[in-house]
Protein backbone atom coordinates (compact mmCIF):
# COMPACT_ATOMS: atom_id res chain seq x y z
CA UNK A 1 -41.45 -6.31 114.54
CA UNK A 2 -43.07 -7.36 117.82
CA UNK A 3 -44.34 -3.82 118.43
CA UNK A 4 -45.96 -3.79 114.98
CA UNK A 5 -47.51 -7.22 115.62
CA UNK A 6 -48.96 -6.10 118.96
CA UNK A 7 -50.27 -2.91 117.36
CA UNK A 8 -52.07 -4.90 114.67
CA UNK A 9 -53.29 -7.33 117.33
CA UNK A 10 -54.92 -4.41 119.14
CA UNK A 11 -56.94 -3.69 116.00
CA UNK A 12 -57.80 -7.31 115.16
CA UNK A 13 -59.12 -7.98 118.65
CA UNK A 14 -61.87 -5.35 118.16
CA UNK A 15 -63.06 -6.59 114.75
CA UNK A 16 -66.47 -8.22 115.03
CA UNK A 17 -67.91 -9.43 111.73
CA UNK A 18 -69.66 -12.72 110.88
CA UNK A 19 -67.35 -13.38 107.90
CA UNK A 20 -64.12 -12.95 109.88
CA UNK A 21 -62.67 -15.59 112.19
CA UNK A 22 -62.67 -14.53 115.84
CA UNK A 23 -59.30 -14.13 117.54
CA UNK A 24 -59.02 -16.55 120.46
CA UNK A 25 -55.41 -15.90 121.50
CA UNK A 26 -51.88 -15.05 120.46
CA UNK A 27 -48.27 -15.83 121.27
CA UNK A 28 -44.99 -13.95 120.93
CA UNK A 29 -42.49 -16.39 122.44
CA UNK A 30 -40.53 -18.29 119.77
CA UNK A 31 -42.35 -16.40 117.02
CA UNK A 32 -45.55 -14.46 116.51
CA UNK A 33 -48.71 -16.56 116.40
CA UNK A 34 -52.44 -15.94 116.13
CA UNK A 35 -55.01 -18.46 117.36
CA UNK A 36 -58.21 -18.08 115.36
CA UNK A 37 -61.64 -19.68 115.70
CA UNK A 38 -62.23 -22.62 113.37
CA UNK A 39 -64.74 -22.13 110.60
CA UNK A 40 -67.51 -24.74 110.37
CA UNK A 41 -67.19 -24.55 106.56
CA UNK A 42 -63.39 -25.06 106.44
CA UNK A 43 -60.82 -22.59 105.18
CA UNK A 44 -61.54 -20.10 102.40
CA UNK A 45 -58.96 -21.88 100.26
CA UNK A 46 -60.67 -25.24 100.67
CA UNK A 47 -64.04 -23.68 99.89
CA UNK A 48 -62.76 -22.02 96.74
CA UNK A 49 -60.36 -24.64 95.40
CA UNK A 50 -60.05 -27.69 97.65
CA UNK A 51 -62.89 -30.04 96.91
CA UNK A 52 -64.11 -28.69 93.59
CA UNK A 53 -62.55 -29.29 90.18
CA UNK A 54 -64.51 -26.56 88.41
CA UNK A 55 -63.29 -23.18 89.73
CA UNK A 56 -66.33 -21.34 88.36
CA UNK A 57 -68.67 -23.71 90.20
CA UNK A 58 -66.57 -23.48 93.37
CA UNK A 59 -66.70 -19.70 93.30
CA UNK A 60 -70.51 -19.65 93.21
CA UNK A 61 -70.80 -22.36 95.82
CA UNK A 62 -68.50 -20.32 98.08
CA UNK A 63 -70.61 -17.21 97.51
CA UNK A 64 -73.71 -19.14 98.64
CA UNK A 65 -71.92 -20.40 101.77
CA UNK A 66 -70.38 -17.02 102.67
CA UNK A 67 -73.58 -15.25 101.60
């Protein structure tokens, strides 16, 4: 499993896109962990469902933010 994780890590480290969180670091001792850059707009889940009660409205608001 660690070899697969490190293989995927090698791919993730080279991804550079404005809509994808940047990888800052990783850990393999005591488990496999990724350290990702925080988003100024919060998580995708909170954008889509967290603070809105109307899912249709939240979807369109998220599309404007992620634009």
